[in-house]
Structure formats: structure tokens, C-alpha cells
Amino acid sequence: MKLSANAADYRVARFATAAIVLAVAEAAIPTPLPGLKPGLANIVVLIVLLRHGWREAAWVAVLRVLIANLLLGQLLAPGFFLSAAGSAASLLMLMLAQRLPPRWFGAVSLSLLAAFAHIGAQLVLARLWLVPHEGIWLLSPVFASAALVFGSINGLITARLLRELPPPEPTEPAALG
């Protein structure tokens, strides 16, 4: 049996590579609190979502989580599971958000929804598994503020990049689907 790659496979590979590079670079940025990161790789996922649909965005997100954590030596460590839970929640939120009117829900709105879903899932997983104490919820305002700031910034960057990138090839589907 011979496997062959199509244009979408190559596109996913290119975008996943960009997301992985951003995730690994971001890991080098010191943070005041574990898990408090800007989520720059999510810009790539949003671009793929808005240009090529949810399925390709999901592939990019999954590959980013797996390979970045493997490269950082965190595969199957608690950080991997927190990253995977946040990414899964973001993808689920983006899948649901596809049904919202695109006129009012663009890159910034989608980025904010994904950021809040991401941090919410991470806090729930941390509470259920890593910190079995109600005190974890005291961090919610800090993480919600970070989600608001970074989600807004990432959404604005995404919107700007989408305006500057060349349009997708005419044979490629550009809809959210």
C-alpha cells in the first residue's frame, strides 16, 4: 500500500511546522506563573481555521501539541495533558463557533472564545488531577485576564495576517468547514 500526500497534507505540514516553532520558542519565554503563556501558536491555528477550515486547523493543533511536547521533553508529563486539554477545548469551541455569524465573529472573537475555553479546560484538569484543592480557583481571575489580553492580541495579529496573506488558491475551499 502506497500513501500519497495531497496539497492539503503539505499545507497542514507547513502550518504545523510554524505552530511547533512558535510553541517551542514560546517555551523559552520566562513567565511569572506556570502555564501563563501568550499562545502564539494559536495564531497559526486560527489562520488555518479561517482560511482552510476546521479539519485542517484541528490537524495543525494536534500535531503542534504532540510534536512540541515531544521536542520539549514533556510528552506524557502533566504539561502535555494540560496542553492537550486546553487545545481540545479550544478546538471544540471553534467547531461550535463556526455556526456563529462570521460578520460579528471574526478572528478576535474566535481567538477570545478559544483562549477562554483553553484556560478553562486547563484549570478544570488541574483541579481534578494536579491540585485537588478548591484554592486553584483563586487563580481564575489571573488566568482569565491573561486569556483576555493574549486572546485579543492573538486575534488582532491573526486578522492583520489574514489581510496581508495572499488569497487561497481558487481550487482550495476557503470556508469554515
N, C-alpha and C. Protein backbone atom coordinates (compact mmCIF):
# COMPACT_ATOMS: atom_id res chain seq x y z
N MET A 1 0.85 -1.17 0.00
CA MET A 1 0.00 0.00 0.00
C MET A 1 0.89 1.24 0.00
N LYS A 2 0.63 2.13 -0.91
CA LYS A 2 1.41 3.35 -1.01
C LYS A 2 0.55 4.54 -0.58
N LEU A 3 1.10 5.33 0.34
CA LEU A 3 0.41 6.53 0.78
C LEU A 3 0.87 7.69 -0.09
N SER A 4 -0.05 8.54 -0.43
CA SER A 4 0.33 9.72 -1.19
C SER A 4 -0.22 10.95 -0.49
N ALA A 5 0.51 12.04 -0.60
CA ALA A 5 0.11 13.29 0.04
C ALA A 5 -0.53 14.20 -0.99
N ASN A 6 -1.54 14.93 -0.56
CA ASN A 6 -2.17 15.91 -1.44
C ASN A 6 -1.81 17.32 -0.97
N ALA A 7 -2.33 18.31 -1.63
CA ALA A 7 -2.00 19.71 -1.31
C ALA A 7 -2.37 20.06 0.13
N ALA A 8 -3.50 19.54 0.60
CA ALA A 8 -3.91 19.83 1.98
C ALA A 8 -2.93 19.23 2.99
N ASP A 9 -2.39 18.04 2.70
CA ASP A 9 -1.41 17.42 3.60
C ASP A 9 -0.16 18.28 3.71
N TYR A 10 0.33 18.78 2.57
CA TYR A 10 1.51 19.63 2.59
C TYR A 10 1.23 20.95 3.31
N ARG A 11 0.03 21.48 3.11
CA ARG A 11 -0.35 22.72 3.78
C ARG A 11 -0.40 22.52 5.29
N VAL A 12 -1.00 21.43 5.73
CA VAL A 12 -1.06 21.13 7.17
C VAL A 12 0.36 20.99 7.73
N ALA A 13 1.23 20.32 7.00
CA ALA A 13 2.61 20.13 7.45
C ALA A 13 3.32 21.48 7.60
N ARG A 14 3.14 22.37 6.64
CA ARG A 14 3.78 23.69 6.71
C ARG A 14 3.26 24.50 7.90
N PHE A 15 1.94 24.53 8.04
CA PHE A 15 1.36 25.30 9.14
C PHE A 15 1.70 24.66 10.49
N ALA A 16 1.68 23.35 10.56
CA ALA A 16 2.03 22.67 11.82
C ALA A 16 3.48 22.97 12.20
N THR A 17 4.35 23.01 11.22
CA THR A 17 5.76 23.34 11.48
C THR A 17 5.87 24.75 12.06
N ALA A 18 5.15 25.69 11.49
CA ALA A 18 5.17 27.07 12.00
C ALA A 18 4.64 27.11 13.44
N ALA A 19 3.56 26.39 13.71
CA ALA A 19 2.98 26.37 15.05
C ALA A 19 3.94 25.72 16.05
N ILE A 20 4.63 24.67 15.64
CA ILE A 20 5.58 23.98 16.51
C ILE A 20 6.75 24.90 16.84
N VAL A 21 7.27 25.60 15.83
CA VAL A 21 8.39 26.53 16.05
C VAL A 21 7.96 27.61 17.05
N LEU A 22 6.77 28.16 16.88
CA LEU A 22 6.29 29.19 17.81
C LEU A 22 6.11 28.64 19.22
N ALA A 23 5.58 27.43 19.33
CA ALA A 23 5.37 26.82 20.65
C ALA A 23 6.69 26.55 21.36
N VAL A 24 7.67 26.05 20.63
CA VAL A 24 8.98 25.76 21.23
C VAL A 24 9.68 27.07 21.61
N ALA A 25 9.61 28.08 20.75
CA ALA A 25 10.21 29.38 21.07
C ALA A 25 9.53 30.00 22.29
N GLU A 26 8.22 29.87 22.36
CA GLU A 26 7.46 30.42 23.48
C GLU A 26 7.84 29.77 24.81
N ALA A 27 8.23 28.51 24.76
CA ALA A 27 8.62 27.80 25.97
C ALA A 27 9.87 28.41 26.61
N ALA A 28 10.64 29.14 25.83
CA ALA A 28 11.86 29.78 26.34
C ALA A 28 11.57 31.11 27.02
N ILE A 29 10.36 31.63 26.87
CA ILE A 29 10.00 32.91 27.47
C ILE A 29 9.68 32.69 28.95
N PRO A 30 10.38 33.39 29.84
CA PRO A 30 10.07 33.23 31.27
C PRO A 30 8.69 33.79 31.59
N THR A 31 7.97 33.11 32.47
CA THR A 31 6.64 33.56 32.86
C THR A 31 6.54 33.65 34.38
N PRO A 32 5.70 34.56 34.87
CA PRO A 32 5.56 34.70 36.32
C PRO A 32 4.80 33.55 36.97
N LEU A 33 4.04 32.83 36.18
CA LEU A 33 3.21 31.74 36.69
C LEU A 33 3.25 30.59 35.70
N PRO A 34 3.42 29.36 36.16
CA PRO A 34 3.43 28.23 35.21
C PRO A 34 2.15 28.20 34.38
N GLY A 35 2.31 28.00 33.09
CA GLY A 35 1.16 27.91 32.20
C GLY A 35 0.66 29.24 31.67
N LEU A 36 1.22 30.32 32.13
CA LEU A 36 0.80 31.64 31.68
C LEU A 36 1.65 32.02 30.47
N LYS A 37 1.12 31.70 29.27
CA LYS A 37 1.85 31.94 28.02
C LYS A 37 0.95 32.67 27.03
N PRO A 38 1.56 33.38 26.09
CA PRO A 38 0.74 34.10 25.11
C PRO A 38 0.01 33.22 24.10
N GLY A 39 0.45 31.99 23.89
CA GLY A 39 -0.23 31.11 22.95
C GLY A 39 -0.06 31.54 21.51
N LEU A 40 1.15 31.89 21.15
CA LEU A 40 1.41 32.38 19.79
C LEU A 40 1.09 31.35 18.71
N ALA A 41 1.24 30.07 19.01
CA ALA A 41 0.92 29.03 18.02
C ALA A 41 -0.56 29.04 17.66
N ASN A 42 -1.38 29.59 18.55
CA ASN A 42 -2.82 29.65 18.25
C ASN A 42 -3.12 30.60 17.11
N ILE A 43 -2.23 31.53 16.84
CA ILE A 43 -2.40 32.42 15.69
C ILE A 43 -2.41 31.57 14.41
N VAL A 44 -1.49 30.63 14.34
CA VAL A 44 -1.41 29.75 13.17
C VAL A 44 -2.68 28.91 13.05
N VAL A 45 -3.15 28.38 14.15
CA VAL A 45 -4.37 27.55 14.13
C VAL A 45 -5.55 28.40 13.65
N LEU A 46 -5.65 29.63 14.12
CA LEU A 46 -6.76 30.49 13.68
C LEU A 46 -6.68 30.83 12.20
N ILE A 47 -5.48 31.08 11.72
CA ILE A 47 -5.31 31.36 10.28
C ILE A 47 -5.78 30.16 9.47
N VAL A 48 -5.36 28.98 9.88
CA VAL A 48 -5.77 27.76 9.15
C VAL A 48 -7.28 27.59 9.23
N LEU A 49 -7.86 27.80 10.41
CA LEU A 49 -9.31 27.68 10.57
C LEU A 49 -10.04 28.61 9.60
N LEU A 50 -9.63 29.87 9.58
CA LEU A 50 -10.35 30.85 8.78
C LEU A 50 -10.06 30.74 7.28
N ARG A 51 -8.94 30.15 6.91
CA ARG A 51 -8.59 30.02 5.50
C ARG A 51 -8.95 28.66 4.92
N HIS A 52 -8.80 27.60 5.74
CA HIS A 52 -8.88 26.24 5.18
C HIS A 52 -9.84 25.32 5.93
N GLY A 53 -10.46 25.80 6.99
CA GLY A 53 -11.48 25.01 7.66
C GLY A 53 -11.01 24.35 8.95
N TRP A 54 -12.01 23.84 9.66
CA TRP A 54 -11.79 23.28 11.00
C TRP A 54 -10.94 22.01 10.96
N ARG A 55 -11.17 21.16 10.00
CA ARG A 55 -10.45 19.88 9.95
C ARG A 55 -8.93 20.10 9.86
N GLU A 56 -8.50 21.00 8.98
CA GLU A 56 -7.06 21.28 8.86
C GLU A 56 -6.54 21.98 10.12
N ALA A 57 -7.34 22.87 10.70
CA ALA A 57 -6.93 23.54 11.93
C ALA A 57 -6.75 22.53 13.06
N ALA A 58 -7.64 21.55 13.12
CA ALA A 58 -7.54 20.51 14.15
C ALA A 58 -6.25 19.71 13.98
N TRP A 59 -5.92 19.36 12.74
CA TRP A 59 -4.68 18.62 12.49
C TRP A 59 -3.47 19.44 12.92
N VAL A 60 -3.46 20.72 12.59
CA VAL A 60 -2.34 21.59 12.97
C VAL A 60 -2.23 21.64 14.49
N ALA A 61 -3.34 21.80 15.18
CA ALA A 61 -3.33 21.89 16.64
C ALA A 61 -2.84 20.58 17.28
N VAL A 62 -3.33 19.46 16.79
CA VAL A 62 -2.94 18.16 17.35
C VAL A 62 -1.45 17.91 17.12
N LEU A 63 -0.98 18.16 15.91
CA LEU A 63 0.44 17.96 15.62
C LEU A 63 1.30 18.89 16.46
N ARG A 64 0.86 20.13 16.63
CA ARG A 64 1.61 21.07 17.46
C ARG A 64 1.74 20.58 18.89
N VAL A 65 0.65 20.13 19.47
CA VAL A 65 0.69 19.65 20.87
C VAL A 65 1.62 18.44 20.99
N LEU A 66 1.45 17.48 20.11
CA LEU A 66 2.27 16.26 20.20
C LEU A 66 3.75 16.54 19.96
N ILE A 67 4.08 17.20 18.86
CA ILE A 67 5.48 17.35 18.48
C ILE A 67 6.20 18.38 19.35
N ALA A 68 5.55 19.48 19.69
CA ALA A 68 6.20 20.47 20.55
C ALA A 68 6.50 19.87 21.92
N ASN A 69 5.56 19.12 22.48
CA ASN A 69 5.81 18.50 23.77
C ASN A 69 6.88 17.42 23.67
N LEU A 70 6.93 16.71 22.57
CA LEU A 70 7.99 15.73 22.36
C LEU A 70 9.35 16.42 22.29
N LEU A 71 9.45 17.51 21.53
CA LEU A 71 10.70 18.25 21.40
C LEU A 71 11.14 18.88 22.72
N LEU A 72 10.17 19.27 23.53
CA LEU A 72 10.48 19.91 24.82
C LEU A 72 10.71 18.88 25.93
N GLY A 73 10.59 17.61 25.59
CA GLY A 73 10.79 16.56 26.59
C GLY A 73 9.66 16.46 27.60
N GLN A 74 8.45 16.85 27.19
CA GLN A 74 7.31 16.84 28.11
C GLN A 74 6.20 15.91 27.68
N LEU A 75 6.48 15.07 26.70
CA LEU A 75 5.42 14.16 26.23
C LEU A 75 5.01 13.25 27.38
N LEU A 76 3.74 13.20 27.67
CA LEU A 76 3.11 12.43 28.73
C LEU A 76 3.40 12.96 30.14
N ALA A 77 3.99 14.15 30.23
CA ALA A 77 4.15 14.83 31.52
C ALA A 77 2.87 15.64 31.78
N PRO A 78 2.68 16.12 33.00
CA PRO A 78 1.45 16.89 33.27
C PRO A 78 1.23 18.06 32.32
N GLY A 79 2.32 18.76 31.93
CA GLY A 79 2.18 19.88 31.00
C GLY A 79 1.60 19.46 29.67
N PHE A 80 1.95 18.26 29.22
CA PHE A 80 1.40 17.74 27.97
C PHE A 80 -0.13 17.58 28.08
N PHE A 81 -0.57 16.99 29.17
CA PHE A 81 -2.01 16.76 29.34
C PHE A 81 -2.77 18.08 29.50
N LEU A 82 -2.15 19.04 30.18
CA LEU A 82 -2.79 20.36 30.29
C LEU A 82 -2.88 21.03 28.92
N SER A 83 -1.80 20.92 28.14
CA SER A 83 -1.79 21.48 26.79
C SER A 83 -2.83 20.79 25.91
N ALA A 84 -2.89 19.48 26.00
CA ALA A 84 -3.84 18.71 25.19
C ALA A 84 -5.29 19.04 25.58
N ALA A 85 -5.55 19.17 26.87
CA ALA A 85 -6.90 19.50 27.33
C ALA A 85 -7.30 20.89 26.85
N GLY A 86 -6.38 21.84 26.97
CA GLY A 86 -6.66 23.20 26.52
C GLY A 86 -6.88 23.27 25.02
N SER A 87 -6.05 22.55 24.29
CA SER A 87 -6.18 22.53 22.83
C SER A 87 -7.49 21.87 22.40
N ALA A 88 -7.84 20.77 23.05
CA ALA A 88 -9.10 20.09 22.72
C ALA A 88 -10.30 20.98 23.00
N ALA A 89 -10.27 21.68 24.14
CA ALA A 89 -11.38 22.58 24.46
C ALA A 89 -11.46 23.74 23.47
N SER A 90 -10.31 24.27 23.08
CA SER A 90 -10.28 25.35 22.09
C SER A 90 -10.85 24.89 20.76
N LEU A 91 -10.44 23.69 20.34
CA LEU A 91 -10.94 23.16 19.06
C LEU A 91 -12.45 22.92 19.11
N LEU A 92 -12.93 22.40 20.24
CA LEU A 92 -14.37 22.19 20.39
C LEU A 92 -15.10 23.53 20.33
N MET A 93 -14.57 24.52 21.02
CA MET A 93 -15.18 25.85 21.00
C MET A 93 -15.19 26.42 19.58
N LEU A 94 -14.09 26.27 18.86
CA LEU A 94 -14.01 26.78 17.49
C LEU A 94 -14.97 26.03 16.56
N MET A 95 -15.15 24.73 16.81
CA MET A 95 -16.09 23.96 16.00
C MET A 95 -17.51 24.50 16.22
N LEU A 96 -17.86 24.78 17.47
CA LEU A 96 -19.18 25.33 17.78
C LEU A 96 -19.31 26.76 17.25
N ALA A 97 -18.24 27.53 17.33
CA ALA A 97 -18.27 28.93 16.90
C ALA A 97 -18.42 29.08 15.40
N GLN A 98 -18.13 28.04 14.66
CA GLN A 98 -18.32 28.10 13.20
C GLN A 98 -19.76 28.42 12.84
N ARG A 99 -20.68 28.11 13.72
CA ARG A 99 -22.09 28.32 13.45
C ARG A 99 -22.54 29.76 13.75
N LEU A 100 -21.64 30.55 14.33
CA LEU A 100 -21.95 31.94 14.64
C LEU A 100 -21.80 32.79 13.38
N PRO A 101 -22.54 33.91 13.29
CA PRO A 101 -22.44 34.75 12.09
C PRO A 101 -21.04 35.32 11.92
N PRO A 102 -20.36 35.01 10.80
CA PRO A 102 -18.99 35.49 10.60
C PRO A 102 -18.89 37.02 10.57
N ARG A 103 -19.98 37.66 10.26
CA ARG A 103 -19.97 39.13 10.22
C ARG A 103 -19.63 39.72 11.59
N TRP A 104 -20.08 39.06 12.66
CA TRP A 104 -19.86 39.56 14.01
C TRP A 104 -18.81 38.76 14.78
N PHE A 105 -18.44 37.61 14.27
CA PHE A 105 -17.47 36.76 14.97
C PHE A 105 -16.29 36.49 14.06
N GLY A 106 -15.33 37.39 14.10
CA GLY A 106 -14.13 37.26 13.28
C GLY A 106 -12.97 36.71 14.08
N ALA A 107 -11.78 37.04 13.63
CA ALA A 107 -10.56 36.49 14.23
C ALA A 107 -10.43 36.83 15.71
N VAL A 108 -10.74 38.05 16.10
CA VAL A 108 -10.58 38.44 17.51
C VAL A 108 -11.59 37.70 18.39
N SER A 109 -12.83 37.67 17.98
CA SER A 109 -13.86 36.96 18.76
C SER A 109 -13.53 35.48 18.88
N LEU A 110 -13.14 34.87 17.78
CA LEU A 110 -12.80 33.45 17.81
C LEU A 110 -11.58 33.20 18.70
N SER A 111 -10.60 34.08 18.63
CA SER A 111 -9.41 33.95 19.46
C SER A 111 -9.77 34.05 20.94
N LEU A 112 -10.64 34.97 21.28
CA LEU A 112 -11.07 35.12 22.68
C LEU A 112 -11.84 33.89 23.16
N LEU A 113 -12.77 33.40 22.35
CA LEU A 113 -13.51 32.20 22.72
C LEU A 113 -12.57 31.01 22.94
N ALA A 114 -11.62 30.86 22.03
CA ALA A 114 -10.66 29.75 22.14
C ALA A 114 -9.77 29.91 23.36
N ALA A 115 -9.33 31.13 23.64
CA ALA A 115 -8.46 31.38 24.79
C ALA A 115 -9.17 31.06 26.11
N PHE A 116 -10.43 31.49 26.22
CA PHE A 116 -11.17 31.19 27.46
C PHE A 116 -11.48 29.70 27.59
N ALA A 117 -11.78 29.05 26.48
CA ALA A 117 -12.01 27.59 26.53
C ALA A 117 -10.73 26.88 26.94
N HIS A 118 -9.61 27.33 26.38
CA HIS A 118 -8.30 26.71 26.67
C HIS A 118 -7.98 26.79 28.16
N ILE A 119 -8.06 27.99 28.72
CA ILE A 119 -7.69 28.16 30.12
C ILE A 119 -8.71 27.51 31.04
N GLY A 120 -9.97 27.52 30.64
CA GLY A 120 -10.99 26.86 31.45
C GLY A 120 -10.73 25.37 31.57
N ALA A 121 -10.43 24.73 30.45
CA ALA A 121 -10.15 23.29 30.47
C ALA A 121 -8.90 22.99 31.29
N GLN A 122 -7.89 23.84 31.18
CA GLN A 122 -6.67 23.61 31.94
C GLN A 122 -6.91 23.75 33.44
N LEU A 123 -7.70 24.73 33.84
CA LEU A 123 -8.00 24.88 35.26
C LEU A 123 -8.82 23.71 35.79
N VAL A 124 -9.78 23.25 35.01
CA VAL A 124 -10.58 22.10 35.44
C VAL A 124 -9.70 20.86 35.58
N LEU A 125 -8.85 20.60 34.58
CA LEU A 125 -7.97 19.44 34.66
C LEU A 125 -6.99 19.56 35.83
N ALA A 126 -6.44 20.74 36.03
CA ALA A 126 -5.52 20.95 37.15
C ALA A 126 -6.23 20.69 38.47
N ARG A 127 -7.47 21.16 38.60
CA ARG A 127 -8.24 20.95 39.83
C ARG A 127 -8.54 19.48 40.06
N LEU A 128 -8.94 18.77 38.99
CA LEU A 128 -9.32 17.37 39.13
C LEU A 128 -8.12 16.44 39.34
N TRP A 129 -6.97 16.82 38.82
CA TRP A 129 -5.84 15.89 38.79
C TRP A 129 -4.63 16.35 39.59
N LEU A 130 -4.20 17.59 39.38
CA LEU A 130 -2.91 18.03 39.93
C LEU A 130 -3.02 18.75 41.27
N VAL A 131 -4.06 19.54 41.44
CA VAL A 131 -4.22 20.34 42.66
C VAL A 131 -5.61 20.06 43.23
N PRO A 132 -5.75 18.97 43.95
CA PRO A 132 -7.09 18.61 44.46
C PRO A 132 -7.52 19.49 45.64
N HIS A 133 -7.58 20.78 45.36
CA HIS A 133 -7.96 21.74 46.40
C HIS A 133 -8.71 22.89 45.74
N GLU A 134 -9.71 23.39 46.42
CA GLU A 134 -10.54 24.46 45.86
C GLU A 134 -9.77 25.77 45.66
N GLY A 135 -8.61 25.88 46.29
CA GLY A 135 -7.81 27.10 46.16
C GLY A 135 -7.35 27.38 44.74
N ILE A 136 -7.35 26.37 43.89
CA ILE A 136 -6.95 26.56 42.49
C ILE A 136 -7.82 27.61 41.81
N TRP A 137 -9.06 27.70 42.23
CA TRP A 137 -10.00 28.64 41.59
C TRP A 137 -9.62 30.09 41.88
N LEU A 138 -8.79 30.32 42.91
CA LEU A 138 -8.34 31.67 43.21
C LEU A 138 -7.46 32.22 42.09
N LEU A 139 -6.91 31.33 41.28
CA LEU A 139 -6.09 31.76 40.14
C LEU A 139 -6.93 32.14 38.92
N SER A 140 -8.20 31.85 38.97
CA SER A 140 -9.07 32.11 37.81
C SER A 140 -9.00 33.54 37.30
N PRO A 141 -9.07 34.56 38.17
CA PRO A 141 -9.01 35.92 37.64
C PRO A 141 -7.70 36.23 36.91
N VAL A 142 -6.59 35.69 37.41
CA VAL A 142 -5.30 35.92 36.76
C VAL A 142 -5.29 35.27 35.38
N PHE A 143 -5.71 34.02 35.30
CA PHE A 143 -5.70 33.32 34.03
C PHE A 143 -6.77 33.87 33.07
N ALA A 144 -7.91 34.29 33.60
CA ALA A 144 -8.95 34.89 32.75
C ALA A 144 -8.44 36.22 32.17
N SER A 145 -7.73 36.99 32.98
CA SER A 145 -7.16 38.25 32.49
C SER A 145 -6.14 37.98 31.38
N ALA A 146 -5.31 36.95 31.59
CA ALA A 146 -4.32 36.59 30.57
C ALA A 146 -5.02 36.14 29.29
N ALA A 147 -6.10 35.36 29.44
CA ALA A 147 -6.85 34.90 28.27
C ALA A 147 -7.44 36.10 27.52
N LEU A 148 -7.92 37.08 28.26
CA LEU A 148 -8.49 38.27 27.63
C LEU A 148 -7.41 39.06 26.87
N VAL A 149 -6.28 39.28 27.51
CA VAL A 149 -5.21 40.06 26.88
C VAL A 149 -4.61 39.30 25.70
N PHE A 150 -4.15 38.07 25.95
CA PHE A 150 -3.47 37.31 24.89
C PHE A 150 -4.44 36.90 23.79
N GLY A 151 -5.68 36.57 24.15
CA GLY A 151 -6.67 36.23 23.13
C GLY A 151 -6.95 37.41 22.21
N SER A 152 -7.03 38.61 22.79
CA SER A 152 -7.25 39.82 21.98
C SER A 152 -6.06 40.11 21.07
N ILE A 153 -4.86 40.06 21.64
CA ILE A 153 -3.66 40.34 20.85
C ILE A 153 -3.50 39.32 19.73
N ASN A 154 -3.66 38.03 20.05
CA ASN A 154 -3.52 36.99 19.03
C ASN A 154 -4.59 37.14 17.95
N GLY A 155 -5.79 37.52 18.34
CA GLY A 155 -6.85 37.73 17.36
C GLY A 155 -6.55 38.90 16.44
N LEU A 156 -6.01 39.98 17.01
CA LEU A 156 -5.64 41.14 16.19
C LEU A 156 -4.50 40.80 15.23
N ILE A 157 -3.52 40.05 15.72
CA ILE A 157 -2.42 39.63 14.85
C ILE A 157 -2.95 38.74 13.73
N THR A 158 -3.84 37.83 14.08
CA THR A 158 -4.43 36.93 13.08
C THR A 158 -5.18 37.73 12.02
N ALA A 159 -6.00 38.67 12.45
CA ALA A 159 -6.76 39.49 11.50
C ALA A 159 -5.83 40.25 10.56
N ARG A 160 -4.77 40.79 11.12
CA ARG A 160 -3.80 41.53 10.30
C ARG A 160 -3.11 40.61 9.28
N LEU A 161 -2.67 39.44 9.75
CA LEU A 161 -2.01 38.50 8.85
C LEU A 161 -2.95 38.01 7.75
N LEU A 162 -4.20 37.79 8.10
CA LEU A 162 -5.17 37.34 7.09
C LEU A 162 -5.36 38.39 6.00
N ARG A 163 -5.30 39.66 6.38
CA ARG A 163 -5.43 40.73 5.38
C ARG A 163 -4.20 40.80 4.48
N GLU A 164 -3.03 40.46 5.02
CA GLU A 164 -1.79 40.60 4.27
C GLU A 164 -1.39 39.35 3.49
N LEU A 165 -1.90 38.19 3.88
CA LEU A 165 -1.56 36.95 3.18
C LEU A 165 -2.24 36.92 1.82
N PRO A 166 -1.59 36.30 0.85
CA PRO A 166 -2.27 36.15 -0.45
C PRO A 166 -3.50 35.27 -0.28
N PRO A 167 -4.50 35.47 -1.13
CA PRO A 167 -5.71 34.65 -1.02
C PRO A 167 -5.41 33.18 -1.30
N PRO A 168 -6.25 32.27 -0.76
CA PRO A 168 -6.03 30.85 -1.02
C PRO A 168 -6.19 30.55 -2.51
N GLU A 169 -5.59 29.47 -2.91
CA GLU A 169 -5.71 29.03 -4.32
C GLU A 169 -7.19 28.85 -4.66
N PRO A 170 -7.60 29.15 -5.90
CA PRO A 170 -9.02 29.04 -6.27
C PRO A 170 -9.59 27.63 -6.11
N THR A 171 -8.74 26.62 -6.19
CA THR A 171 -9.25 25.26 -6.05
C THR A 171 -9.39 24.82 -4.60
N GLU A 172 -8.93 25.67 -3.66
CA GLU A 172 -8.99 25.31 -2.26
C GLU A 172 -10.26 25.87 -1.63
N PRO A 173 -10.88 25.09 -0.74
CA PRO A 173 -12.05 25.64 -0.04
C PRO A 173 -11.60 26.67 0.98
N ALA A 174 -12.21 27.83 0.99
CA ALA A 174 -11.84 28.89 1.92
C ALA A 174 -12.84 29.01 3.05
N ALA A 175 -13.88 28.23 3.04
CA ALA A 175 -14.94 28.33 4.06
C ALA A 175 -14.54 27.59 5.33
N LEU A 176 -15.22 27.91 6.40
CA LEU A 176 -15.03 27.21 7.66
C LEU A 176 -15.73 25.86 7.56
N GLY A 177 -15.03 24.82 7.36
CA GLY A 177 -15.74 23.56 7.24
C GLY A 177 -14.93 22.41 7.28
